[in-house]
Amino acid sequence: MNTFMFLAADDANGGSGMFLILMVAIFAIMWFFMIRPQQKKQKEMRNFQNSLQEGTKIVTGGGIYGEVKKIDLATNIVSVEIAKGVIIRVDRGYVFADASSSAAAAGQSK
């Protein structure tokens, strides 16, 4: 009962306006720090997937390193050579990174 009286008194003093402003501020902070960077990262990944070329060293979603041998644009399938003479077929959507830049970043962090 006492809690209800406090809430009613808060509404009479304009507390609901502050609550609304606080909620908008929280959403804006979440958008700037969580949603926006993820959208930028997805856009960069999509651009990388669309710009794949034969001979590019890549990393797949399963963590397999290889080199692109053939790209079939009609079916979105990429043929990847993971060892000499071993070629696997991977959906282009599961090619996540450029292996040469991943190796360079790993070398710099040591």
PDB file of N, CA and C in Angstrom:
ATOM      1  N   MET A   1       0.819  -1.188   0.000  1.00  0.00           N
ATOM      2  CA  MET A   1       0.000   0.000   0.000  1.00  0.00           C
ATOM      3  C   MET A   1       0.867   1.257   0.000  1.00  0.00           C
ATOM      4  N   ASN A   2       1.920   1.263   0.831  1.00  0.00           N
ATOM      5  CA  ASN A   2       2.797   2.431   0.900  1.00  0.00           C
ATOM      6  C   ASN A   2       3.521   2.666  -0.418  1.00  0.00           C
ATOM      7  N   THR A   3       3.914   1.579  -1.089  1.00  0.00           N
ATOM      8  CA  THR A   3       4.597   1.705  -2.366  1.00  0.00           C
ATOM      9  C   THR A   3       3.699   2.376  -3.389  1.00  0.00           C
ATOM     10  N   PHE A   4       2.438   2.008  -3.395  1.00  0.00           N
ATOM     11  CA  PHE A   4       1.489   2.614  -4.329  1.00  0.00           C
ATOM     12  C   PHE A   4       1.353   4.108  -4.079  1.00  0.00           C
ATOM     13  N   MET A   5       1.363   4.525  -2.820  1.00  0.00           N
ATOM     14  CA  MET A   5       1.250   5.957  -2.497  1.00  0.00           C
ATOM     15  C   MET A   5       2.479   6.717  -2.985  1.00  0.00           C
ATOM     16  N   PHE A   6       3.662   6.094  -2.829  1.00  0.00           N
ATOM     17  CA  PHE A   6       4.882   6.750  -3.311  1.00  0.00           C
ATOM     18  C   PHE A   6       4.862   6.906  -4.832  1.00  0.00           C
ATOM     19  N   LEU A   7       4.386   5.880  -5.531  1.00  0.00           N
ATOM     20  CA  LEU A   7       4.307   5.951  -6.985  1.00  0.00           C
ATOM     21  C   LEU A   7       3.297   7.004  -7.423  1.00  0.00           C
ATOM     22  N   ALA A   8       2.179   7.080  -6.739  1.00  0.00           N
ATOM     23  CA  ALA A   8       1.164   8.072  -7.076  1.00  0.00           C
ATOM     24  C   ALA A   8       1.698   9.473  -6.830  1.00  0.00           C
ATOM     25  N   ALA A   9       2.437   9.676  -5.744  1.00  0.00           N
ATOM     26  CA  ALA A   9       3.019  10.984  -5.447  1.00  0.00           C
ATOM     27  C   ALA A   9       4.081  11.334  -6.479  1.00  0.00           C
ATOM     28  N   ASP A  10       4.844  10.340  -6.924  1.00  0.00           N
ATOM     29  CA  ASP A  10       5.890  10.560  -7.923  1.00  0.00           C
ATOM     30  C   ASP A  10       5.273  11.005  -9.249  1.00  0.00           C
ATOM     31  N   ASP A  11       4.153  10.386  -9.649  1.00  0.00           N
ATOM     32  CA  ASP A  11       3.481  10.767 -10.886  1.00  0.00           C
ATOM     33  C   ASP A  11       2.938  12.194 -10.808  1.00  0.00           C
ATOM     34  N   ALA A  12       2.461  12.579  -9.660  1.00  0.00           N
ATOM     35  CA  ALA A  12       1.905  13.925  -9.500  1.00  0.00           C
ATOM     36  C   ALA A  12       2.998  14.978  -9.624  1.00  0.00           C
ATOM     37  N   ASN A  13       4.227  14.631  -9.304  1.00  0.00           N
ATOM     38  CA  ASN A  13       5.336  15.581  -9.375  1.00  0.00           C
ATOM     39  C   ASN A  13       6.069  15.545 -10.703  1.00  0.00           C
ATOM     40  N   GLY A  14       5.592  14.793 -11.672  1.00  0.00           N
ATOM     41  CA  GLY A  14       6.238  14.741 -12.982  1.00  0.00           C
ATOM     42  C   GLY A  14       7.309  13.682 -13.085  1.00  0.00           C
ATOM     43  N   GLY A  15       7.295  12.684 -12.246  1.00  0.00           N
ATOM     44  CA  GLY A  15       8.294  11.619 -12.246  1.00  0.00           C
ATOM     45  C   GLY A  15       8.216  10.748 -13.481  1.00  0.00           C
ATOM     46  N   SER A  16       7.057  10.644 -14.093  1.00  0.00           N
ATOM     47  CA  SER A  16       6.932   9.789 -15.273  1.00  0.00           C
ATOM     48  C   SER A  16       7.696  10.381 -16.457  1.00  0.00           C
ATOM     49  N   GLY A  17       7.813  11.675 -16.506  1.00  0.00           N
ATOM     50  CA  GLY A  17       8.595  12.315 -17.560  1.00  0.00           C
ATOM     51  C   GLY A  17      10.072  11.993 -17.424  1.00  0.00           C
ATOM     52  N   MET A  18      10.565  11.990 -16.188  1.00  0.00           N
ATOM     53  CA  MET A  18      11.965  11.633 -15.941  1.00  0.00           C
ATOM     54  C   MET A  18      12.216  10.164 -16.274  1.00  0.00           C
ATOM     55  N   PHE A  19      11.243   9.324 -15.948  1.00  0.00           N
ATOM     56  CA  PHE A  19      11.364   7.902 -16.259  1.00  0.00           C
ATOM     57  C   PHE A  19      11.468   7.708 -17.764  1.00  0.00           C
ATOM     58  N   LEU A  20      10.652   8.419 -18.519  1.00  0.00           N
ATOM     59  CA  LEU A  20      10.671   8.313 -19.973  1.00  0.00           C
ATOM     60  C   LEU A  20      12.014   8.782 -20.543  1.00  0.00           C
ATOM     61  N   ILE A  21      12.522   9.873 -20.026  1.00  0.00           N
ATOM     62  CA  ILE A  21      13.818  10.392 -20.477  1.00  0.00           C
ATOM     63  C   ILE A  21      14.923   9.393 -20.151  1.00  0.00           C
ATOM     64  N   LEU A  22      14.862   8.799 -18.966  1.00  0.00           N
ATOM     65  CA  LEU A  22      15.855   7.801 -18.563  1.00  0.00           C
ATOM     66  C   LEU A  22      15.813   6.582 -19.477  1.00  0.00           C
ATOM     67  N   MET A  23      14.629   6.105 -19.824  1.00  0.00           N
ATOM     68  CA  MET A  23      14.499   4.944 -20.702  1.00  0.00           C
ATOM     69  C   MET A  23      15.044   5.246 -22.100  1.00  0.00           C
ATOM     70  N   VAL A  24      14.779   6.438 -22.617  1.00  0.00           N
ATOM     71  CA  VAL A  24      15.303   6.834 -23.928  1.00  0.00           C
ATOM     72  C   VAL A  24      16.828   6.911 -23.875  1.00  0.00           C
ATOM     73  N   ALA A  25      17.366   7.438 -22.786  1.00  0.00           N
ATOM     74  CA  ALA A  25      18.821   7.535 -22.644  1.00  0.00           C
ATOM     75  C   ALA A  25      19.459   6.148 -22.586  1.00  0.00           C
ATOM     76  N   ILE A  26      18.845   5.224 -21.869  1.00  0.00           N
ATOM     77  CA  ILE A  26      19.372   3.862 -21.787  1.00  0.00           C
ATOM     78  C   ILE A  26      19.349   3.199 -23.161  1.00  0.00           C
ATOM     79  N   PHE A  27      18.254   3.361 -23.900  1.00  0.00           N
ATOM     80  CA  PHE A  27      18.180   2.782 -25.237  1.00  0.00           C
ATOM     81  C   PHE A  27      19.238   3.381 -26.154  1.00  0.00           C
ATOM     82  N   ALA A  28      19.447   4.702 -26.076  1.00  0.00           N
ATOM     83  CA  ALA A  28      20.455   5.359 -26.916  1.00  0.00           C
ATOM     84  C   ALA A  28      21.853   4.833 -26.592  1.00  0.00           C
ATOM     85  N   ILE A  29      22.151   4.649 -25.318  1.00  0.00           N
ATOM     86  CA  ILE A  29      23.457   4.124 -24.925  1.00  0.00           C
ATOM     87  C   ILE A  29      23.635   2.701 -25.447  1.00  0.00           C
ATOM     88  N   MET A  30      22.593   1.877 -25.305  1.00  0.00           N
ATOM     89  CA  MET A  30      22.676   0.507 -25.815  1.00  0.00           C
ATOM     90  C   MET A  30      22.891   0.512 -27.324  1.00  0.00           C
ATOM     91  N   TRP A  31      22.221   1.395 -28.034  1.00  0.00           N
ATOM     92  CA  TRP A  31      22.360   1.443 -29.486  1.00  0.00           C
ATOM     93  C   TRP A  31      23.775   1.822 -29.879  1.00  0.00           C
ATOM     94  N   PHE A  32      24.346   2.834 -29.217  1.00  0.00           N
ATOM     95  CA  PHE A  32      25.691   3.288 -29.575  1.00  0.00           C
ATOM     96  C   PHE A  32      26.771   2.284 -29.219  1.00  0.00           C
ATOM     97  N   PHE A  33      26.604   1.560 -28.112  1.00  0.00           N
ATOM     98  CA  PHE A  33      27.666   0.669 -27.660  1.00  0.00           C
ATOM     99  C   PHE A  33      27.478  -0.790 -28.043  1.00  0.00           C
ATOM    100  N   MET A  34      26.271  -1.216 -28.423  1.00  0.00           N
ATOM    101  CA  MET A  34      26.045  -2.617 -28.717  1.00  0.00           C
ATOM    102  C   MET A  34      25.539  -2.855 -30.139  1.00  0.00           C
ATOM    103  N   ILE A  35      24.475  -2.212 -30.501  1.00  0.00           N
ATOM    104  CA  ILE A  35      23.817  -2.507 -31.771  1.00  0.00           C
ATOM    105  C   ILE A  35      24.593  -1.933 -32.948  1.00  0.00           C
ATOM    106  N   ARG A  36      24.981  -0.682 -32.876  1.00  0.00           N
ATOM    107  CA  ARG A  36      25.667  -0.014 -33.990  1.00  0.00           C
ATOM    108  C   ARG A  36      26.995  -0.685 -34.359  1.00  0.00           C
ATOM    109  N   PRO A  37      27.875  -1.005 -33.388  1.00  0.00           N
ATOM    110  CA  PRO A  37      29.128  -1.679 -33.762  1.00  0.00           C
ATOM    111  C   PRO A  37      28.893  -3.052 -34.390  1.00  0.00           C
ATOM    112  N   GLN A  38      27.878  -3.773 -33.910  1.00  0.00           N
ATOM    113  CA  GLN A  38      27.597  -5.082 -34.482  1.00  0.00           C
ATOM    114  C   GLN A  38      27.104  -4.949 -35.918  1.00  0.00           C
ATOM    115  N   GLN A  39      26.278  -3.935 -36.192  1.00  0.00           N
ATOM    116  CA  GLN A  39      25.815  -3.713 -37.563  1.00  0.00           C
ATOM    117  C   GLN A  39      26.972  -3.366 -38.479  1.00  0.00           C
ATOM    118  N   LYS A  40      27.925  -2.562 -38.005  1.00  0.00           N
ATOM    119  CA  LYS A  40      29.089  -2.213 -38.813  1.00  0.00           C
ATOM    120  C   LYS A  40      29.937  -3.446 -39.104  1.00  0.00           C
ATOM    121  N   LYS A  41      30.101  -4.313 -38.103  1.00  0.00           N
ATOM    122  CA  LYS A  41      30.894  -5.523 -38.289  1.00  0.00           C
ATOM    123  C   LYS A  41      30.216  -6.460 -39.294  1.00  0.00           C
ATOM    124  N   GLN A  42      28.894  -6.593 -39.212  1.00  0.00           N
ATOM    125  CA  GLN A  42      28.171  -7.435 -40.163  1.00  0.00           C
ATOM    126  C   GLN A  42      28.281  -6.885 -41.577  1.00  0.00           C
ATOM    127  N   LYS A  43      28.245  -5.567 -41.718  1.00  0.00           N
ATOM    128  CA  LYS A  43      28.365  -4.948 -43.033  1.00  0.00           C
ATOM    129  C   LYS A  43      29.755  -5.200 -43.623  1.00  0.00           C
ATOM    130  N   GLU A  44      30.794  -5.089 -42.793  1.00  0.00           N
ATOM    131  CA  GLU A  44      32.154  -5.362 -43.260  1.00  0.00           C
ATOM    132  C   GLU A  44      32.293  -6.822 -43.690  1.00  0.00           C
ATOM    133  N   MET A  45      31.693  -7.747 -42.917  1.00  0.00           N
ATOM    134  CA  MET A  45      31.768  -9.164 -43.253  1.00  0.00           C
ATOM    135  C   MET A  45      31.032  -9.439 -44.565  1.00  0.00           C
ATOM    136  N   ARG A  46      29.870  -8.831 -44.752  1.00  0.00           N
ATOM    137  CA  ARG A  46      29.111  -9.006 -45.999  1.00  0.00           C
ATOM    138  C   ARG A  46      29.908  -8.479 -47.192  1.00  0.00           C
ATOM    139  N   ASN A  47      30.558  -7.320 -47.025  1.00  0.00           N
ATOM    140  CA  ASN A  47      31.382  -6.766 -48.110  1.00  0.00           C
ATOM    141  C   ASN A  47      32.553  -7.687 -48.425  1.00  0.00           C
ATOM    142  N   PHE A  48      33.174  -8.277 -47.383  1.00  0.00           N
ATOM    143  CA  PHE A  48      34.277  -9.218 -47.607  1.00  0.00           C
ATOM    144  C   PHE A  48      33.782 -10.445 -48.361  1.00  0.00           C
ATOM    145  N   GLN A  49      32.632 -10.996 -47.954  1.00  0.00           N
ATOM    146  CA  GLN A  49      32.087 -12.179 -48.614  1.00  0.00           C
ATOM    147  C   GLN A  49      31.752 -11.894 -50.071  1.00  0.00           C
ATOM    148  N   ASN A  50      31.251 -10.705 -50.352  1.00  0.00           N
ATOM    149  CA  ASN A  50      30.904 -10.349 -51.733  1.00  0.00           C
ATOM    150  C   ASN A  50      32.128 -10.057 -52.589  1.00  0.00           C
ATOM    151  N   SER A  51      33.255  -9.732 -51.961  1.00  0.00           N
ATOM    152  CA  SER A  51      34.456  -9.396 -52.734  1.00  0.00           C
ATOM    153  C   SER A  51      35.457 -10.551 -52.779  1.00  0.00           C
ATOM    154  N   LEU A  52      35.030 -11.764 -52.421  1.00  0.00           N
ATOM    155  CA  LEU A  52      35.935 -12.914 -52.472  1.00  0.00           C
ATOM    156  C   LEU A  52      36.444 -13.140 -53.887  1.00  0.00           C
ATOM    157  N   GLN A  53      37.706 -13.520 -53.986  1.00  0.00           N
ATOM    158  CA  GLN A  53      38.310 -13.837 -55.268  1.00  0.00           C
ATOM    159  C   GLN A  53      39.098 -15.129 -55.121  1.00  0.00           C
ATOM    160  N   GLU A  54      39.340 -15.772 -56.239  1.00  0.00           N
ATOM    161  CA  GLU A  54      40.145 -16.992 -56.215  1.00  0.00           C
ATOM    162  C   GLU A  54      41.547 -16.656 -55.738  1.00  0.00           C
ATOM    163  N   GLY A  55      42.083 -17.514 -54.880  1.00  0.00           N
ATOM    164  CA  GLY A  55      43.420 -17.295 -54.344  1.00  0.00           C
ATOM    165  C   GLY A  55      43.429 -16.606 -52.990  1.00  0.00           C
ATOM    166  N   THR A  56      42.283 -16.120 -52.530  1.00  0.00           N
ATOM    167  CA  THR A  56      42.214 -15.456 -51.234  1.00  0.00           C
ATOM    168  C   THR A  56      42.297 -16.492 -50.126  1.00  0.00           C
ATOM    169  N   LYS A  57      43.117 -16.233 -49.127  1.00  0.00           N
ATOM    170  CA  LYS A  57      43.220 -17.124 -47.968  1.00  0.00           C
ATOM    171  C   LYS A  57      42.135 -16.703 -46.977  1.00  0.00           C
ATOM    172  N   ILE A  58      41.337 -17.694 -46.531  1.00  0.00           N
ATOM    173  CA  ILE A  58      40.163 -17.395 -45.715  1.00  0.00           C
ATOM    174  C   ILE A  58      40.097 -18.279 -44.476  1.00  0.00           C
ATOM    175  N   VAL A  59      39.181 -17.906 -43.575  1.00  0.00           N
ATOM    176  CA  VAL A  59      38.817 -18.714 -42.422  1.00  0.00           C
ATOM    177  C   VAL A  59      37.312 -18.913 -42.489  1.00  0.00           C
ATOM    178  N   THR A  60      36.860 -20.167 -42.369  1.00  0.00           N
ATOM    179  CA  THR A  60      35.428 -20.455 -42.412  1.00  0.00           C
ATOM    180  C   THR A  60      34.824 -20.336 -41.020  1.00  0.00           C
ATOM    181  N   GLY A  61      33.510 -20.454 -40.964  1.00  0.00           N
ATOM    182  CA  GLY A  61      32.806 -20.380 -39.694  1.00  0.00           C
ATOM    183  C   GLY A  61      33.189 -21.494 -38.743  1.00  0.00           C
ATOM    184  N   GLY A  62      33.624 -22.610 -39.257  1.00  0.00           N
ATOM    185  CA  GLY A  62      34.047 -23.725 -38.414  1.00  0.00           C
ATOM    186  C   GLY A  62      35.494 -23.637 -37.988  1.00  0.00           C
ATOM    187  N   GLY A  63      36.185 -22.578 -38.387  1.00  0.00           N
ATOM    188  CA  GLY A  63      37.578 -22.397 -38.005  1.00  0.00           C
ATOM    189  C   GLY A  63      38.564 -23.065 -38.947  1.00  0.00           C
ATOM    190  N   ILE A  64      38.117 -23.417 -40.139  1.00  0.00           N
ATOM    191  CA  ILE A  64      38.984 -24.078 -41.115  1.00  0.00           C
ATOM    192  C   ILE A  64      39.672 -23.020 -41.965  1.00  0.00           C
ATOM    193  N   TYR A  65      41.003 -23.110 -42.029  1.00  0.00           N
ATOM    194  CA  TYR A  65      41.794 -22.191 -42.849  1.00  0.00           C
ATOM    195  C   TYR A  65      41.991 -22.820 -44.221  1.00  0.00           C
ATOM    196  N   GLY A  66      41.906 -21.987 -45.248  1.00  0.00           N
ATOM    197  CA  GLY A  66      42.118 -22.508 -46.586  1.00  0.00           C
ATOM    198  C   GLY A  66      42.250 -21.392 -47.597  1.00  0.00           C
ATOM    199  N   GLU A  67      42.307 -21.796 -48.859  1.00  0.00           N
ATOM    200  CA  GLU A  67      42.456 -20.851 -49.965  1.00  0.00           C
ATOM    201  C   GLU A  67      41.325 -21.085 -50.957  1.00  0.00           C
ATOM    202  N   VAL A  68      40.703 -19.990 -51.378  1.00  0.00           N
ATOM    203  CA  VAL A  68      39.584 -20.079 -52.318  1.00  0.00           C
ATOM    204  C   VAL A  68      40.098 -20.546 -53.676  1.00  0.00           C
ATOM    205  N   LYS A  69      39.491 -21.602 -54.195  1.00  0.00           N
ATOM    206  CA  LYS A  69      39.877 -22.125 -55.509  1.00  0.00           C
ATOM    207  C   LYS A  69      38.835 -21.796 -56.564  1.00  0.00           C
ATOM    208  N   LYS A  70      37.569 -21.793 -56.186  1.00  0.00           N
ATOM    209  CA  LYS A  70      36.507 -21.539 -57.159  1.00  0.00           C
ATOM    210  C   LYS A  70      35.303 -20.959 -56.426  1.00  0.00           C
ATOM    211  N   ILE A  71      34.619 -20.021 -57.082  1.00  0.00           N
ATOM    212  CA  ILE A  71      33.416 -19.415 -56.519  1.00  0.00           C
ATOM    213  C   ILE A  71      32.275 -19.613 -57.512  1.00  0.00           C
ATOM    214  N   ASP A  72      31.198 -20.241 -57.051  1.00  0.00           N
ATOM    215  CA  ASP A  72      30.012 -20.436 -57.881  1.00  0.00           C
ATOM    216  C   ASP A  72      28.962 -19.428 -57.429  1.00  0.00           C
ATOM    217  N   LEU A  73      28.805 -18.346 -58.195  1.00  0.00           N
ATOM    218  CA  LEU A  73      27.885 -17.281 -57.820  1.00  0.00           C
ATOM    219  C   LEU A  73      26.422 -17.707 -57.906  1.00  0.00           C
ATOM    220  N   ALA A  74      26.116 -18.669 -58.757  1.00  0.00           N
ATOM    221  CA  ALA A  74      24.728 -19.110 -58.915  1.00  0.00           C
ATOM    222  C   ALA A  74      24.224 -19.813 -57.659  1.00  0.00           C
ATOM    223  N   THR A  75      25.089 -20.599 -57.014  1.00  0.00           N
ATOM    224  CA  THR A  75      24.674 -21.348 -55.825  1.00  0.00           C
ATOM    225  C   THR A  75      25.287 -20.815 -54.535  1.00  0.00           C
ATOM    226  N   ASN A  76      26.123 -19.779 -54.625  1.00  0.00           N
ATOM    227  CA  ASN A  76      26.820 -19.195 -53.469  1.00  0.00           C
ATOM    228  C   ASN A  76      27.696 -20.209 -52.749  1.00  0.00           C
ATOM    229  N   ILE A  77      28.329 -21.087 -53.507  1.00  0.00           N
ATOM    230  CA  ILE A  77      29.220 -22.092 -52.931  1.00  0.00           C
ATOM    231  C   ILE A  77      30.659 -21.748 -53.301  1.00  0.00           C
ATOM    232  N   VAL A  78      31.531 -21.831 -52.308  1.00  0.00           N
ATOM    233  CA  VAL A  78      32.950 -21.538 -52.488  1.00  0.00           C
ATOM    234  C   VAL A  78      33.719 -22.844 -52.316  1.00  0.00           C
ATOM    235  N   SER A  79      34.566 -23.169 -53.270  1.00  0.00           N
ATOM    236  CA  SER A  79      35.443 -24.332 -53.144  1.00  0.00           C
ATOM    237  C   SER A  79      36.732 -23.860 -52.491  1.00  0.00           C
ATOM    238  N   VAL A  80      37.075 -24.504 -51.360  1.00  0.00           N
ATOM    239  CA  VAL A  80      38.223 -24.087 -50.559  1.00  0.00           C
ATOM    240  C   VAL A  80      39.208 -25.240 -50.458  1.00  0.00           C
ATOM    241  N   GLU A  81      40.470 -24.952 -50.777  1.00  0.00           N
ATOM    242  CA  GLU A  81      41.519 -25.955 -50.637  1.00  0.00           C
ATOM    243  C   GLU A  81      42.115 -25.814 -49.243  1.00  0.00           C
ATOM    244  N   ILE A  82      41.957 -26.865 -48.420  1.00  0.00           N
ATOM    245  CA  ILE A  82      42.446 -26.809 -47.047  1.00  0.00           C
ATOM    246  C   ILE A  82      43.789 -27.520 -46.880  1.00  0.00           C
ATOM    247  N   ALA A  83      44.127 -28.356 -47.828  1.00  0.00           N
ATOM    248  CA  ALA A  83      45.437 -29.026 -47.878  1.00  0.00           C
ATOM    249  C   ALA A  83      45.685 -29.354 -49.342  1.00  0.00           C
ATOM    250  N   LYS A  84      46.894 -29.720 -49.659  1.00  0.00           N
ATOM    251  CA  LYS A  84      47.226 -30.004 -51.056  1.00  0.00           C
ATOM    252  C   LYS A  84      46.317 -31.117 -51.589  1.00  0.00           C
ATOM    253  N   GLY A  85      45.473 -30.781 -52.563  1.00  0.00           N
ATOM    254  CA  GLY A  85      44.578 -31.744 -53.180  1.00  0.00           C
ATOM    255  C   GLY A  85      43.277 -31.996 -52.422  1.00  0.00           C
ATOM    256  N   VAL A  86      43.086 -31.361 -51.257  1.00  0.00           N
ATOM    257  CA  VAL A  86      41.861 -31.545 -50.472  1.00  0.00           C
ATOM    258  C   VAL A  86      41.012 -30.287 -50.622  1.00  0.00           C
ATOM    259  N   ILE A  87      39.908 -30.422 -51.340  1.00  0.00           N
ATOM    260  CA  ILE A  87      39.033 -29.276 -51.600  1.00  0.00           C
ATOM    261  C   ILE A  87      37.671 -29.561 -50.990  1.00  0.00           C
ATOM    262  N   ILE A  88      37.178 -28.601 -50.204  1.00  0.00           N
ATOM    263  CA  ILE A  88      35.839 -28.714 -49.631  1.00  0.00           C
ATOM    264  C   ILE A  88      34.970 -27.613 -50.193  1.00  0.00           C
ATOM    265  N   ARG A  89      33.669 -27.846 -50.130  1.00  0.00           N
ATOM    266  CA  ARG A  89      32.718 -26.839 -50.602  1.00  0.00           C
ATOM    267  C   ARG A  89      32.044 -26.220 -49.388  1.00  0.00           C
ATOM    268  N   VAL A  90      32.018 -24.895 -49.357  1.00  0.00           N
ATOM    269  CA  VAL A  90      31.477 -24.156 -48.222  1.00  0.00           C
ATOM    270  C   VAL A  90      30.532 -23.092 -48.761  1.00  0.00           C
ATOM    271  N   ASP A  91      29.433 -22.875 -48.049  1.00  0.00           N
ATOM    272  CA  ASP A  91      28.534 -21.781 -48.408  1.00  0.00           C
ATOM    273  C   ASP A  91      29.262 -20.455 -48.198  1.00  0.00           C
ATOM    274  N   ARG A  92      29.077 -19.532 -49.110  1.00  0.00           N
ATOM    275  CA  ARG A  92      29.797 -18.257 -49.042  1.00  0.00           C
ATOM    276  C   ARG A  92      29.458 -17.484 -47.769  1.00  0.00           C
ATOM    277  N   GLY A  93      28.281 -17.709 -47.203  1.00  0.00           N
ATOM    278  CA  GLY A  93      27.899 -17.032 -45.969  1.00  0.00           C
ATOM    279  C   GLY A  93      28.694 -17.487 -44.753  1.00  0.00           C
ATOM    280  N   TYR A  94      29.404 -18.622 -44.865  1.00  0.00           N
ATOM    281  CA  TYR A  94      30.201 -19.128 -43.758  1.00  0.00           C
ATOM    282  C   TYR A  94      31.683 -18.812 -43.892  1.00  0.00           C
ATOM    283  N   VAL A  95      32.022 -17.950 -44.806  1.00  0.00           N
ATOM    284  CA  VAL A  95      33.390 -17.450 -44.914  1.00  0.00           C
ATOM    285  C   VAL A  95      33.427 -16.169 -44.097  1.00  0.00           C
ATOM    286  N   PHE A  96      34.184 -16.198 -42.988  1.00  0.00           N
ATOM    287  CA  PHE A  96      34.095 -15.101 -42.036  1.00  0.00           C
ATOM    288  C   PHE A  96      35.264 -14.141 -42.025  1.00  0.00           C
ATOM    289  N   ALA A  97      36.435 -14.569 -42.430  1.00  0.00           N
ATOM    290  CA  ALA A  97      37.573 -13.667 -42.275  1.00  0.00           C
ATOM    291  C   ALA A  97      38.642 -13.946 -43.315  1.00  0.00           C
ATOM    292  N   ASP A  98      39.486 -12.952 -43.513  1.00  0.00           N
ATOM    293  CA  ASP A  98      40.658 -13.069 -44.370  1.00  0.00           C
ATOM    294  C   ASP A  98      41.779 -13.657 -43.516  1.00  0.00           C
ATOM    295  N   ALA A  99      42.248 -14.840 -43.866  1.00  0.00           N
ATOM    296  CA  ALA A  99      43.244 -15.533 -43.049  1.00  0.00           C
ATOM    297  C   ALA A  99      44.566 -14.786 -43.011  1.00  0.00           C
ATOM    298  N   SER A 100      44.921 -14.090 -44.075  1.00  0.00           N
ATOM    299  CA  SER A 100      46.192 -13.370 -44.062  1.00  0.00           C
ATOM    300  C   SER A 100      46.156 -12.230 -43.057  1.00  0.00           C
ATOM    301  N   SER A 101      45.021 -11.544 -42.912  1.00  0.00           N
ATOM    302  CA  SER A 101      44.946 -10.472 -41.911  1.00  0.00           C
ATOM    303  C   SER A 101      44.806 -11.048 -40.514  1.00  0.00           C
ATOM    304  N   SER A 102      44.183 -12.241 -40.368  1.00  0.00           N
ATOM    305  CA  SER A 102      44.084 -12.898 -39.059  1.00  0.00           C
ATOM    306  C   SER A 102      45.462 -13.307 -38.560  1.00  0.00           C
ATOM    307  N   ALA A 103      46.283 -13.849 -39.460  1.00  0.00           N
ATOM    308  CA  ALA A 103      47.632 -14.267 -39.094  1.00  0.00           C
ATOM    309  C   ALA A 103      48.490 -13.056 -38.747  1.00  0.00           C
ATOM    310  N   ALA A 104      48.324 -11.970 -39.470  1.00  0.00           N
ATOM    311  CA  ALA A 104      49.088 -10.757 -39.199  1.00  0.00           C
ATOM    312  C   ALA A 104      48.688 -10.175 -37.832  1.00  0.00           C
ATOM    313  N   ALA A 105      47.391 -10.201 -37.509  1.00  0.00           N
ATOM    314  CA  ALA A 105      46.929  -9.693 -36.219  1.00  0.00           C
ATOM    315  C   ALA A 105      47.432 -10.569 -35.075  1.00  0.00           C
ATOM    316  N   ALA A 106      47.480 -11.882 -35.283  1.00  0.00           N
ATOM    317  CA  ALA A 106      47.980 -12.787 -34.248  1.00  0.00           C
ATOM    318  C   ALA A 106      49.472 -12.576 -34.027  1.00  0.00           C
ATOM    319  N   GLY A 107      50.201 -12.308 -35.090  1.00  0.00           N
ATOM    320  CA  GLY A 107      51.626 -12.061 -34.969  1.00  0.00           C
ATOM    321  C   GLY A 107      51.939 -10.765 -34.249  1.00  0.00           C
ATOM    322  N   GLN A 108      51.101  -9.755 -34.417  1.00  0.00           N
ATOM    323  CA  GLN A 108      51.312  -8.476 -33.762  1.00  0.00           C
ATOM    324  C   GLN A 108      50.991  -8.532 -32.275  1.00  0.00           C
ATOM    325  N   SER A 109      50.057  -9.417 -31.882  1.00  0.00           N
ATOM    326  CA  SER A 109      49.661  -9.464 -30.483  1.00  0.00           C
ATOM    327  C   SER A 109      50.684 -10.178 -29.608  1.00  0.00           C
ATOM    328  N   LYS A 110      51.636 -10.891 -30.201  1.00  0.00           N
ATOM    329  CA  LYS A 110      52.647 -11.624 -29.410  1.00  0.00           C
ATOM    330  C   LYS A 110      53.716 -10.720 -28.916  1.00  0.00           C
TER     331      LYS A 110
END
